[in-house]
């Protein structure tokens, strides 16, 4: 196996919740619907807000990586939902599915793209940098989801 293939394999493993990180599917498994919007005392976000934030940020990184005309949402206001709970099970499922879909698109970029070339419309970013940022960002917030679940007695 080449060093490049080893790197790709490690990136795929990282994006899919490998090594020391739980993946989103595991973090959300068997979460009671009534706890999606619960905010433990003194914590700024609910699990719903974290899930939506992961979705929005990952979508933005992905679209930036592949589309020179993409305009990012306004930071930080447009990256965090105001409502603490999803409006419906459908909204919850749509958000989770979008995260999974966008992760798969990132995986496609990794497999067929040049990891090291600068993204033409960026200011030095590469696919490698965007993938590492997306994976790091998701892992951080998944850990927060797990902590909230523990505080709520649902882990």
Protein backbone atom coordinates (compact mmCIF):
# COMPACT_ATOMS: atom_id res chain seq x y z
CA UNK A 1 0.00 0.00 0.00
CA UNK A 2 1.34 3.45 -0.88
CA UNK A 3 1.72 6.24 1.67
CA UNK A 4 -1.01 8.13 -0.18
CA UNK A 5 -3.42 5.20 0.18
CA UNK A 6 -2.53 4.87 3.86
CA UNK A 7 -3.41 8.55 4.34
CA UNK A 8 -6.70 8.14 2.47
CA UNK A 9 -7.58 5.10 4.59
CA UNK A 10 -6.81 7.02 7.79
CA UNK A 11 -8.90 9.99 6.66
CA UNK A 12 -11.82 7.70 5.87
CA UNK A 13 -11.46 6.06 9.26
CA UNK A 14 -11.36 9.47 10.96
CA UNK A 15 -14.43 10.76 9.10
CA UNK A 16 -16.36 7.63 9.96
CA UNK A 17 -15.67 7.93 13.69
CA UNK A 18 -12.60 5.80 13.96
CA UNK A 19 -9.82 5.46 16.46
CA UNK A 20 -10.61 7.26 19.72
CA UNK A 21 -13.82 8.90 18.51
CA UNK A 22 -17.40 7.74 18.69
CA UNK A 23 -19.30 8.37 15.51
CA UNK A 24 -22.52 10.36 15.29
CA UNK A 25 -24.65 7.25 14.84
CA UNK A 26 -23.36 5.82 18.12
CA UNK A 27 -23.69 9.16 19.92
CA UNK A 28 -27.36 9.44 18.89
CA UNK A 29 -28.33 5.77 19.19
CA UNK A 30 -31.48 5.24 21.26
CA UNK A 31 -31.67 8.92 22.24
CA UNK A 32 -35.23 9.52 23.44
CA UNK A 33 -36.95 12.09 21.23
CA UNK A 34 -37.94 14.20 24.23
CA UNK A 35 -34.25 14.73 25.11
CA UNK A 36 -33.24 16.13 21.71
CA UNK A 37 -34.01 19.65 22.90
CA UNK A 38 -33.06 19.29 26.57
CA UNK A 39 -30.40 21.70 27.83
CA UNK A 40 -28.71 20.69 31.07
CA UNK A 41 -28.14 23.49 33.57
CA UNK A 42 -25.47 25.99 32.53
CA UNK A 43 -24.76 24.36 29.16
CA UNK A 44 -25.30 26.59 26.12
CA UNK A 45 -26.65 24.00 23.66
CA UNK A 46 -29.08 21.15 23.31
CA UNK A 47 -28.27 18.00 21.36
CA UNK A 48 -30.49 19.29 18.55
CA UNK A 49 -28.51 22.51 18.34
CA UNK A 50 -25.26 20.54 18.21
CA UNK A 51 -26.56 18.21 15.51
CA UNK A 52 -27.76 21.14 13.42
CA UNK A 53 -24.46 22.98 13.96
CA UNK A 54 -22.53 19.91 12.79
CA UNK A 55 -24.77 19.73 9.72
CA UNK A 56 -24.43 23.39 8.79
CA UNK A 57 -20.67 23.60 9.35
CA UNK A 58 -19.92 20.35 7.52
CA UNK A 59 -22.16 21.39 4.61
CA UNK A 60 -20.35 24.72 4.43
CA UNK A 61 -16.90 23.09 4.40
CA UNK A 62 -18.01 20.60 1.76
CA UNK A 63 -19.59 23.20 -0.51
CA UNK A 64 -16.56 25.47 -0.16
CA UNK A 65 -14.35 22.52 -1.16
CA UNK A 66 -16.19 21.89 -4.41
CA UNK A 67 -17.95 25.11 -5.47
CA UNK A 68 -16.18 28.40 -6.14
CA UNK A 69 -19.46 30.32 -6.08
CA UNK A 70 -20.49 28.99 -2.65
CA UNK A 71 -21.21 31.67 -0.06
CA UNK A 72 -20.79 30.67 3.54
CA UNK A 73 -23.43 31.51 6.12
CA UNK A 74 -22.76 34.43 8.47
CA UNK A 75 -20.61 33.43 11.43
CA UNK A 76 -21.68 32.66 14.10
CA UNK A 77 -25.40 33.43 13.86
CA UNK A 78 -26.23 31.26 10.86
CA UNK A 79 -24.25 28.27 12.12
CA UNK A 80 -26.35 27.75 15.26
CA UNK A 81 -30.11 27.16 15.29
CA UNK A 82 -32.08 29.36 17.65
CA UNK A 83 -34.64 26.68 18.54
CA UNK A 84 -33.46 24.16 21.13
CA UNK A 85 -35.51 21.26 19.76
CA UNK A 86 -36.38 20.04 16.26
CA UNK A 87 -39.84 20.93 15.01
CA UNK A 88 -40.57 17.29 14.21
CA UNK A 89 -39.11 13.83 13.86
CA UNK A 90 -38.88 14.58 10.15
CA UNK A 91 -36.67 17.64 10.80
CA UNK A 92 -34.45 15.56 13.09
CA UNK A 93 -34.13 12.72 10.58
CA UNK A 94 -33.48 15.14 7.71
CA UNK A 95 -30.64 16.79 9.61
CA UNK A 96 -28.98 13.50 10.56
CA UNK A 97 -29.35 12.16 7.00
CA UNK A 98 -27.84 15.36 5.56
CA UNK A 99 -24.79 14.94 7.81
CA UNK A 100 -24.37 11.37 6.59
CA UNK A 101 -24.86 12.39 2.95
CA UNK A 102 -22.36 15.24 3.13
CA UNK A 103 -19.83 12.99 4.87
CA UNK A 104 -20.17 10.57 1.96
CA UNK A 105 -19.55 13.42 -0.48
CA UNK A 106 -16.40 14.36 1.45
CA UNK A 107 -15.33 10.72 1.19
CA UNK A 108 -15.86 10.86 -2.59
CA UNK A 109 -13.69 13.99 -2.76
CA UNK A 110 -10.95 12.22 -0.82
CA UNK A 111 -11.03 9.17 -3.06
CA UNK A 112 -10.91 11.00 -6.38
CA UNK A 113 -9.49 14.40 -5.61
CA UNK A 114 -6.04 15.79 -5.13
CA UNK A 115 -5.63 16.18 -1.38
CA UNK A 116 -2.73 18.62 -1.57
CA UNK A 117 -3.55 21.16 -4.29
CA UNK A 118 -4.90 24.47 -3.13
CA UNK A 119 -8.61 24.93 -3.66
CA UNK A 120 -8.68 27.47 -6.53
CA UNK A 121 -11.18 29.85 -4.94
CA UNK A 122 -9.68 29.65 -1.43
CA UNK A 123 -6.77 31.35 0.24
CA UNK A 124 -4.55 28.35 0.80
CA UNK A 125 -7.04 25.64 1.81
CA UNK A 126 -6.71 22.13 0.43
CA UNK A 127 -9.09 19.17 0.43
CA UNK A 128 -6.86 17.58 3.08
CA UNK A 129 -7.19 20.62 5.32
CA UNK A 130 -10.97 20.82 4.89
CA UNK A 131 -11.43 17.10 5.59
CA UNK A 132 -9.28 17.28 8.72
CA UNK A 133 -11.20 20.34 9.89
CA UNK A 134 -14.57 18.69 9.24
CA UNK A 135 -13.55 15.50 11.07
CA UNK A 136 -12.07 17.40 14.01
CA UNK A 137 -15.14 19.64 14.26
CA UNK A 138 -17.56 16.72 14.22
CA UNK A 139 -15.54 14.72 16.77
CA UNK A 140 -15.49 17.70 19.16
CA UNK A 141 -19.25 18.20 19.02
CA UNK A 142 -20.01 14.47 19.20
CA UNK A 143 -18.10 14.45 22.48
CA UNK A 144 -20.35 17.27 23.68
CA UNK A 145 -23.43 15.27 22.67
CA UNK A 146 -22.18 12.33 24.73
CA UNK A 147 -21.49 14.57 27.74
CA UNK A 148 -25.02 16.02 27.51
CA UNK A 149 -26.46 12.52 27.31
CA UNK A 150 -24.51 11.55 30.41
CA UNK A 151 -25.75 14.62 32.26
CA UNK A 152 -29.31 13.73 31.24
CA UNK A 153 -28.86 10.13 32.38
CA UNK A 154 -29.34 8.84 28.82
CA UNK A 155 -25.94 7.36 27.96
